[in-house]
C-alpha atoms as a PDB file:
ATOM      1  CA  MET A   1      -4.905 -29.304   1.637  1.00  0.00           C
ATOM      2  CA  LYS A   2      -7.913 -27.501   2.569  1.00  0.00           C
ATOM      3  CA  LYS A   3      -9.305 -25.429  -0.298  1.00  0.00           C
ATOM      4  CA  ASN A   4      -9.480 -21.654   0.100  1.00  0.00           C
ATOM      5  CA  LYS A   5     -12.802 -19.871   0.258  1.00  0.00           C
ATOM      6  CA  ILE A   6     -12.474 -17.487  -2.762  1.00  0.00           C
ATOM      7  CA  LYS A   7     -15.770 -15.904  -3.403  1.00  0.00           C
ATOM      8  CA  LYS A   8     -14.867 -13.274  -5.867  1.00  0.00           C
ATOM      9  CA  ILE A   9     -12.075 -12.379  -8.264  1.00  0.00           C
ATOM     10  CA  SER A  10     -11.453  -9.159  -9.982  1.00  0.00           C
ATOM     11  CA  VAL A  11     -10.112  -9.336 -13.643  1.00  0.00           C
ATOM     12  CA  LEU A  12      -8.230  -6.168 -14.315  1.00  0.00           C
ATOM     13  CA  ILE A  13      -7.824  -5.292 -18.202  1.00  0.00           C
ATOM     14  CA  PRO A  14      -5.542  -2.466 -19.064  1.00  0.00           C
ATOM     15  CA  VAL A  15      -6.520  -1.123 -22.585  1.00  0.00           C
ATOM     16  CA  TYR A  16      -4.749   1.053 -25.051  1.00  0.00           C
ATOM     17  CA  ASN A  17      -5.470   1.321 -28.782  1.00  0.00           C
ATOM     18  CA  GLU A  18      -6.760  -2.275 -28.878  1.00  0.00           C
ATOM     19  CA  GLU A  19      -9.730  -2.008 -31.298  1.00  0.00           C
ATOM     20  CA  LYS A  20      -9.028  -5.247 -33.013  1.00  0.00           C
ATOM     21  CA  THR A  21      -8.744  -7.573 -30.006  1.00  0.00           C
ATOM     22  CA  VAL A  22     -10.922  -5.678 -27.183  1.00  0.00           C
ATOM     23  CA  MET A  23     -14.199  -7.183 -28.122  1.00  0.00           C
ATOM     24  CA  PRO A  24     -13.176 -10.749 -28.656  1.00  0.00           C
ATOM     25  CA  LEU A  25     -11.193 -10.449 -25.488  1.00  0.00           C
ATOM     26  CA  LEU A  26     -14.132  -9.148 -23.445  1.00  0.00           C
ATOM     27  CA  ARG A  27     -16.577 -12.009 -24.690  1.00  0.00           C
ATOM     28  CA  LYS A  28     -13.927 -14.570 -23.718  1.00  0.00           C
ATOM     29  CA  VAL A  29     -13.411 -13.250 -20.353  1.00  0.00           C
ATOM     30  CA  GLU A  30     -17.327 -12.641 -19.770  1.00  0.00           C
ATOM     31  CA  ASN A  31     -17.843 -16.406 -20.779  1.00  0.00           C
ATOM     32  CA  LEU A  32     -15.129 -17.756 -18.720  1.00  0.00           C
ATOM     33  CA  LYS A  33     -16.919 -20.189 -16.163  1.00  0.00           C
ATOM     34  CA  LEU A  34     -15.676 -20.089 -12.649  1.00  0.00           C
ATOM     35  CA  PRO A  35     -18.266 -22.190 -10.650  1.00  0.00           C
ATOM     36  CA  GLY A  36     -18.959 -20.794  -7.268  1.00  0.00           C
ATOM     37  CA  ILE A  37     -16.911 -17.562  -7.877  1.00  0.00           C
ATOM     38  CA  VAL A  38     -18.193 -14.040  -8.740  1.00  0.00           C
ATOM     39  CA  LYS A  39     -16.418 -12.436 -11.490  1.00  0.00           C
ATOM     40  CA  GLU A  40     -15.916  -8.413 -11.445  1.00  0.00           C
ATOM     41  CA  ILE A  41     -14.344  -7.295 -14.751  1.00  0.00           C
ATOM     42  CA  ILE A  42     -12.577  -4.039 -14.507  1.00  0.00           C
ATOM     43  CA  ILE A  43     -11.422  -2.250 -17.755  1.00  0.00           C
ATOM     44  CA  ILE A  44      -9.055   0.558 -17.685  1.00  0.00           C
ATOM     45  CA  ASP A  45      -8.944   2.476 -21.146  1.00  0.00           C
ATOM     46  CA  ASP A  46      -5.605   4.191 -21.064  1.00  0.00           C
ATOM     47  CA  GLY A  47      -6.515   7.276 -23.259  1.00  0.00           C
ATOM     48  CA  SER A  48      -7.068   5.265 -26.406  1.00  0.00           C
ATOM     49  CA  THR A  49      -7.218   7.217 -29.507  1.00  0.00           C
ATOM     50  CA  ASP A  50      -8.843   4.538 -31.816  1.00  0.00           C
ATOM     51  CA  LYS A  51     -12.411   3.044 -31.244  1.00  0.00           C
ATOM     52  CA  SER A  52     -11.391   0.945 -28.337  1.00  0.00           C
ATOM     53  CA  GLU A  53     -13.552   2.967 -25.545  1.00  0.00           C
ATOM     54  CA  THR A  54     -16.442   3.313 -27.810  1.00  0.00           C
ATOM     55  CA  LEU A  55     -16.349  -0.540 -28.442  1.00  0.00           C
ATOM     56  CA  ILE A  56     -15.920  -1.170 -24.659  1.00  0.00           C
ATOM     57  CA  LYS A  57     -18.988   1.216 -23.891  1.00  0.00           C
ATOM     58  CA  SER A  58     -21.091  -0.704 -26.297  1.00  0.00           C
ATOM     59  CA  PHE A  59     -20.196  -4.084 -24.759  1.00  0.00           C
ATOM     60  CA  ILE A  60     -20.749  -3.098 -21.088  1.00  0.00           C
ATOM     61  CA  TYR A  61     -23.967  -1.216 -21.498  1.00  0.00           C
ATOM     62  CA  LYS A  62     -26.668  -2.272 -18.979  1.00  0.00           C
ATOM     63  CA  LYS A  63     -24.335  -5.042 -17.910  1.00  0.00           C
ATOM     64  CA  LYS A  64     -23.372  -5.914 -14.195  1.00  0.00           C
ATOM     65  CA  GLY A  65     -20.375  -6.800 -12.974  1.00  0.00           C
ATOM     66  CA  ILE A  66     -18.410  -4.717 -15.518  1.00  0.00           C
ATOM     67  CA  LYS A  67     -16.872  -1.504 -14.967  1.00  0.00           C
ATOM     68  CA  LEU A  68     -14.935   0.866 -17.207  1.00  0.00           C
ATOM     69  CA  ILE A  69     -12.372   3.451 -15.926  1.00  0.00           C
ATOM     70  CA  SER A  70     -11.493   5.885 -18.516  1.00  0.00           C
ATOM     71  CA  LEU A  71      -8.189   7.937 -18.373  1.00  0.00           C
ATOM     72  CA  LYS A  72      -8.019  10.853 -20.312  1.00  0.00           C
ATOM     73  CA  ASN A  73      -4.351  10.777 -21.355  1.00  0.00           C
ATOM     74  CA  ASN A  74      -2.200   7.712 -22.109  1.00  0.00           C
ATOM     75  CA  GLN A  75      -0.409   7.095 -18.627  1.00  0.00           C
ATOM     76  CA  GLY A  76       1.155   3.755 -19.156  1.00  0.00           C
ATOM     77  CA  LYS A  77       0.214   0.221 -17.996  1.00  0.00           C
ATOM     78  CA  GLY A  78       1.356   0.647 -14.626  1.00  0.00           C
ATOM     79  CA  ALA A  79      -0.791   3.619 -14.141  1.00  0.00           C
ATOM     80  CA  SER A  80      -3.800   1.918 -15.632  1.00  0.00           C
ATOM     81  CA  LEU A  81      -3.382  -1.244 -13.238  1.00  0.00           C
ATOM     82  CA  LYS A  82      -2.922   0.978 -10.181  1.00  0.00           C
ATOM     83  CA  LYS A  83      -6.150   2.513 -10.927  1.00  0.00           C
ATOM     84  CA  GLY A  84      -7.637  -1.009 -11.509  1.00  0.00           C
ATOM     85  CA  PHE A  85      -6.086  -2.207  -7.931  1.00  0.00           C
ATOM     86  CA  SER A  86      -7.918   0.941  -6.186  1.00  0.00           C
ATOM     87  CA  SER A  87     -11.293  -0.016  -7.684  1.00  0.00           C
ATOM     88  CA  ALA A  88     -11.147  -3.841  -7.328  1.00  0.00           C
ATOM     89  CA  THR A  89     -13.284  -5.598  -4.722  1.00  0.00           C
ATOM     90  CA  GLY A  90     -12.285  -9.353  -5.285  1.00  0.00           C
ATOM     91  CA  ASP A  91     -10.413 -11.622  -3.054  1.00  0.00           C
ATOM     92  CA  VAL A  92      -8.299 -12.264  -6.003  1.00  0.00           C
ATOM     93  CA  LEU A  93      -6.912  -9.909  -8.422  1.00  0.00           C
ATOM     94  CA  VAL A  94      -5.819 -11.019 -11.922  1.00  0.00           C
ATOM     95  CA  ILE A  95      -4.123  -9.161 -14.631  1.00  0.00           C
ATOM     96  CA  GLN A  96      -5.209  -9.936 -18.248  1.00  0.00           C
ATOM     97  CA  ASP A  97      -4.104  -7.994 -20.990  1.00  0.00           C
ATOM     98  CA  ALA A  98      -6.342  -7.032 -23.885  1.00  0.00           C
ATOM     99  CA  ASP A  99      -4.202  -7.841 -26.944  1.00  0.00           C
ATOM    100  CA  LEU A 100      -5.074 -11.686 -26.746  1.00  0.00           C
ATOM    101  CA  GLU A 101      -1.409 -12.575 -26.409  1.00  0.00           C
ATOM    102  CA  TYR A 102      -2.512 -14.213 -23.392  1.00  0.00           C
ATOM    103  CA  PRO A 103      -5.845 -16.210 -23.711  1.00  0.00           C
ATOM    104  CA  PRO A 104      -8.354 -15.547 -20.874  1.00  0.00           C
ATOM    105  CA  LYS A 105      -8.342 -19.411 -20.453  1.00  0.00           C
ATOM    106  CA  ASN A 106      -5.023 -18.898 -18.591  1.00  0.00           C
ATOM    107  CA  ILE A 107      -7.168 -17.370 -15.764  1.00  0.00           C
ATOM    108  CA  LYS A 108      -8.254 -20.878 -14.644  1.00  0.00           C
ATOM    109  CA  PHE A 109      -4.464 -22.058 -14.388  1.00  0.00           C
ATOM    110  CA  LEU A 110      -3.398 -19.048 -12.175  1.00  0.00           C
ATOM    111  CA  LEU A 111      -6.398 -19.619  -9.836  1.00  0.00           C
ATOM    112  CA  LYS A 112      -5.763 -23.357  -9.352  1.00  0.00           C
ATOM    113  CA  PRO A 113      -2.682 -22.887  -6.842  1.00  0.00           C
ATOM    114  CA  ILE A 114      -4.779 -20.128  -4.984  1.00  0.00           C
ATOM    115  CA  LEU A 115      -8.155 -21.904  -4.696  1.00  0.00           C
ATOM    116  CA  LYS A 116      -6.163 -24.972  -3.188  1.00  0.00           C
ATOM    117  CA  ASN A 117      -4.297 -22.512  -0.690  1.00  0.00           C
ATOM    118  CA  ASP A 118      -0.776 -23.254  -2.115  1.00  0.00           C
ATOM    119  CA  ALA A 119      -0.158 -19.802  -3.082  1.00  0.00           C
ATOM    120  CA  LYS A 120      -0.793 -16.351  -2.594  1.00  0.00           C
ATOM    121  CA  VAL A 121       0.873 -15.004  -5.771  1.00  0.00           C
ATOM    122  CA  VAL A 122       0.829 -16.821  -9.048  1.00  0.00           C
ATOM    123  CA  TYR A 123       2.541 -15.934 -12.313  1.00  0.00           C
ATOM    124  CA  GLY A 124       1.693 -17.631 -15.611  1.00  0.00           C
ATOM    125  CA  SER A 125       5.083 -18.608 -17.086  1.00  0.00           C
ATOM    126  CA  ARG A 126       5.642 -18.755 -20.801  1.00  0.00           C
ATOM    127  CA  LYS A 127       8.634 -20.710 -20.554  1.00  0.00           C
ATOM    128  CA  LEU A 128       7.047 -23.687 -18.653  1.00  0.00           C
ATOM    129  CA  ASN A 129       4.857 -24.417 -21.606  1.00  0.00           C
ATOM    130  CA  LYS A 130       7.260 -25.956 -24.307  1.00  0.00           C
ATOM    131  CA  ASN A 131       4.811 -25.417 -27.066  1.00  0.00           C
ATOM    132  CA  ASN A 132       4.982 -21.283 -26.763  1.00  0.00           C
ATOM    133  CA  ARG A 133       7.081 -19.366 -29.130  1.00  0.00           C
ATOM    134  CA  TYR A 134       8.017 -15.782 -29.001  1.00  0.00           C
ATOM    135  CA  SER A 135       7.630 -12.973 -31.492  1.00  0.00           C
ATOM    136  CA  SER A 136      11.427 -12.968 -32.331  1.00  0.00           C
ATOM    137  CA  PHE A 137      14.761 -14.184 -30.871  1.00  0.00           C
ATOM    138  CA  ALA A 138      15.750 -10.772 -29.904  1.00  0.00           C
ATOM    139  CA  TYR A 139      12.591 -10.346 -27.848  1.00  0.00           C
ATOM    140  CA  TYR A 140      13.164 -13.637 -26.175  1.00  0.00           C
ATOM    141  CA  LEU A 141      16.826 -12.778 -25.119  1.00  0.00           C
ATOM    142  CA  GLY A 142      15.759  -9.275 -24.014  1.00  0.00           C
ATOM    143  CA  GLY A 143      13.188 -11.106 -21.695  1.00  0.00           C
ATOM    144  CA  ALA A 144      15.664 -13.745 -20.625  1.00  0.00           C
ATOM    145  CA  PHE A 145      18.313 -10.729 -19.781  1.00  0.00           C
ATOM    146  CA  ILE A 146      15.648  -8.850 -17.523  1.00  0.00           C
ATOM    147  CA  ASN A 147      14.535 -11.915 -15.785  1.00  0.00           C
ATOM    148  CA  PHE A 148      18.199 -12.855 -14.886  1.00  0.00           C
ATOM    149  CA  LEU A 149      18.837  -9.332 -13.566  1.00  0.00           C
ATOM    150  CA  ILE A 150      15.825  -9.286 -11.429  1.00  0.00           C
ATOM    151  CA  ALA A 151      16.622 -12.923 -10.017  1.00  0.00           C
ATOM    152  CA  LYS A 152      20.177 -11.710  -9.416  1.00  0.00           C
ATOM    153  CA  PHE A 153      19.373  -8.656  -7.378  1.00  0.00           C
ATOM    154  CA  ILE A 154      16.474 -10.326  -5.207  1.00  0.00           C
ATOM    155  CA  LYS A 155      18.253 -13.748  -4.943  1.00  0.00           C
ATOM    156  CA  GLN A 156      15.524 -15.774  -6.523  1.00  0.00           C
ATOM    157  CA  LYS A 157      15.506 -18.148  -9.261  1.00  0.00           C
ATOM    158  CA  ALA A 158      14.803 -16.696 -12.637  1.00  0.00           C
ATOM    159  CA  LEU A 159      11.038 -16.710 -13.012  1.00  0.00           C
ATOM    160  CA  ASP A 160       9.088 -15.258 -15.938  1.00  0.00           C
ATOM    161  CA  PHE A 161       8.979 -12.044 -13.845  1.00  0.00           C
ATOM    162  CA  ILE A 162       7.734  -9.954 -16.852  1.00  0.00           C
ATOM    163  CA  SER A 163       4.889 -12.223 -18.010  1.00  0.00           C
ATOM    164  CA  GLY A 164       1.742 -10.268 -18.324  1.00  0.00           C
ATOM    165  CA  SER A 165      -0.392 -13.068 -16.560  1.00  0.00           C
ATOM    166  CA  LYS A 166      -0.415 -12.705 -12.914  1.00  0.00           C
ATOM    167  CA  ALA A 167      -2.856 -13.319 -10.071  1.00  0.00           C
ATOM    168  CA  PHE A 168      -2.480 -12.106  -6.552  1.00  0.00           C
ATOM    169  CA  LYS A 169      -4.683 -12.372  -3.258  1.00  0.00           C
ATOM    170  CA  SER A 170      -5.790  -8.853  -2.666  1.00  0.00           C
ATOM    171  CA  ASP A 171      -4.220  -8.663   0.816  1.00  0.00           C
ATOM    172  CA  VAL A 172      -0.736  -8.982  -0.862  1.00  0.00           C
ATOM    173  CA  ILE A 173      -1.245  -5.901  -2.923  1.00  0.00           C
ATOM    174  CA  LYS A 174      -2.342  -4.058   0.188  1.00  0.00           C
ATOM    175  CA  LYS A 175       0.823  -5.208   2.081  1.00  0.00           C
ATOM    176  CA  ILE A 176       3.817  -4.634  -0.405  1.00  0.00           C
ATOM    177  CA  GLY A 177       3.367  -0.792  -0.242  1.00  0.00           C
ATOM    178  CA  PRO A 178       2.799   1.770  -2.969  1.00  0.00           C
ATOM    179  CA  LEU A 179       3.715   0.974  -6.643  1.00  0.00           C
ATOM    180  CA  ASN A 180       5.189   4.023  -8.570  1.00  0.00           C
ATOM    181  CA  SER A 181       5.674   2.553 -11.826  1.00  0.00           C
ATOM    182  CA  LYS A 182       3.722   4.015 -14.705  1.00  0.00           C
ATOM    183  CA  GLY A 183       4.730   1.986 -17.778  1.00  0.00           C
ATOM    184  CA  PHE A 184       5.912  -1.507 -18.665  1.00  0.00           C
ATOM    185  CA  GLU A 185       8.553  -1.409 -15.526  1.00  0.00           C
ATOM    186  CA  PHE A 186       5.244  -2.068 -13.379  1.00  0.00           C
ATOM    187  CA  ASP A 187       5.998  -5.903 -13.733  1.00  0.00           C
ATOM    188  CA  THR A 188       9.536  -5.646 -12.512  1.00  0.00           C
ATOM    189  CA  GLU A 189       8.597  -3.263  -9.623  1.00  0.00           C
ATOM    190  CA  ILE A 190       5.667  -5.389  -8.327  1.00  0.00           C
ATOM    191  CA  SER A 191       7.780  -8.561  -8.651  1.00  0.00           C
ATOM    192  CA  ILE A 192      10.633  -7.155  -6.556  1.00  0.00           C
ATOM    193  CA  LYS A 193       8.186  -5.689  -3.961  1.00  0.00           C
ATOM    194  CA  ILE A 194       6.258  -9.152  -3.657  1.00  0.00           C
ATOM    195  CA  VAL A 195       9.665 -11.022  -3.121  1.00  0.00           C
ATOM    196  CA  ASN A 196      11.119  -8.283  -0.619  1.00  0.00           C
ATOM    197  CA  SER A 197       7.944  -8.519   1.353  1.00  0.00           C
ATOM    198  CA  GLY A 198       8.526 -12.050   1.956  1.00  0.00           C
ATOM    199  CA  TYR A 199       5.868 -13.587  -0.482  1.00  0.00           C
ATOM    200  CA  LYS A 200       6.713 -16.625  -2.786  1.00  0.00           C
ATOM    201  CA  ILE A 201       5.997 -16.373  -6.287  1.00  0.00           C
ATOM    202  CA  GLU A 202       4.524 -19.667  -7.813  1.00  0.00           C
ATOM    203  CA  GLU A 203       4.533 -20.397 -11.483  1.00  0.00           C
ATOM    204  CA  VAL A 204       2.136 -22.233 -13.861  1.00  0.00           C
ATOM    205  CA  PRO A 205       2.527 -23.056 -17.473  1.00  0.00           C
ATOM    206  CA  ILE A 206       0.158 -20.911 -19.567  1.00  0.00           C
ATOM    207  CA  ILE A 207      -0.462 -20.450 -23.351  1.00  0.00           C
ATOM    208  CA  TYR A 208       1.075 -17.601 -24.997  1.00  0.00           C
ATOM    209  CA  ASN A 209       0.364 -16.316 -28.625  1.00  0.00           C
ATOM    210  CA  PRO A 210       2.898 -13.618 -29.341  1.00  0.00           C
ATOM    211  CA  ARG A 211       2.024 -10.946 -31.813  1.00  0.00           C
ATOM    212  CA  LEU A 212       4.361  -8.632 -33.942  1.00  0.00           C
ATOM    213  CA  HIS A 213       4.842  -4.708 -33.569  1.00  0.00           C
ATOM    214  CA  LYS A 214       3.074  -4.481 -36.913  1.00  0.00           C
ATOM    215  CA  ASP A 215      -0.062  -6.109 -35.288  1.00  0.00           C
ATOM    216  CA  GLY A 216      -0.013  -3.695 -32.436  1.00  0.00           C
ATOM    217  CA  LYS A 217       2.625  -4.805 -29.903  1.00  0.00           C
ATOM    218  CA  LYS A 218       3.272  -1.959 -27.672  1.00  0.00           C
ATOM    219  CA  ILE A 219       6.488  -2.669 -25.846  1.00  0.00           C
ATOM    220  CA  ARG A 220       9.907  -1.551 -27.478  1.00  0.00           C
ATOM    221  CA  TRP A 221      13.512  -2.116 -26.755  1.00  0.00           C
ATOM    222  CA  TYR A 222      13.991   1.339 -25.252  1.00  0.00           C
ATOM    223  CA  HIS A 223      11.491   0.246 -22.620  1.00  0.00           C
ATOM    224  CA  SER A 224      14.359  -1.912 -21.249  1.00  0.00           C
ATOM    225  CA  PHE A 225      16.152   1.201 -19.827  1.00  0.00           C
ATOM    226  CA  ARG A 226      13.349   2.155 -17.386  1.00  0.00           C
ATOM    227  CA  ILE A 227      13.061  -1.612 -16.507  1.00  0.00           C
ATOM    228  CA  ILE A 228      16.670  -1.677 -15.597  1.00  0.00           C
ATOM    229  CA  TRP A 229      16.659   1.429 -13.575  1.00  0.00           C
ATOM    230  CA  THR A 230      13.638   0.029 -11.697  1.00  0.00           C
ATOM    231  CA  ILE A 231      15.884  -2.680 -10.707  1.00  0.00           C
ATOM    232  CA  VAL A 232      18.792  -0.513  -9.896  1.00  0.00           C
ATOM    233  CA  LYS A 233      16.601   1.593  -7.509  1.00  0.00           C
ATOM    234  CA  SER A 234      15.540  -1.569  -5.803  1.00  0.00           C
ATOM    235  CA  ILE A 235      19.067  -2.112  -4.546  1.00  0.00           C
ATOM    236  CA  ASN A 236      19.364   0.986  -2.576  1.00  0.00           C
END
């Protein structure tokens, strides 16, 4: 199949209190080689109270192609990404978490089906790489349950809907309608709206290096209530 002419990608990096990982993460994203493609890096600092924003500002000083959006108060991952989407100018938008659970080398895996014109939406699947592990069995079960619920109500196979590694053609984001989620339920909402808008989600195996709550992992068990409510609302 004829390859798609992707001239520019926007890498969206939401950050909240990631002073331990944000610098190595940014260096890895900056050094990622994508021949023939311009790389726009958009960092959204979600009201960090540690040194994250200071470190980011020092990193991007006098650099082109890197933009920092600073939110005064912590609003959530979804709110951060919506700000990033509105500022992005790339043909493809890529979500890259700042905690290094998802190595930036995964971006190449995400882009491959899009560059081949085989997909408009690609999710990185932790499940498809058998070498991956999870931070805990409870976390694995919780994610599997959420994926099962989403798949059941949108009548799709159980993908890794809540993976933090995603790529979209920019026109997809424009066509699926407004996104309302502010927190971790964002992954659920955008997945449902993508499928309900008639797009197919392709999956590729990715590398996943889970971290524990003591290392700064943000998502907690109680976030599942808002995620489930997001699924329920989508039925109506």
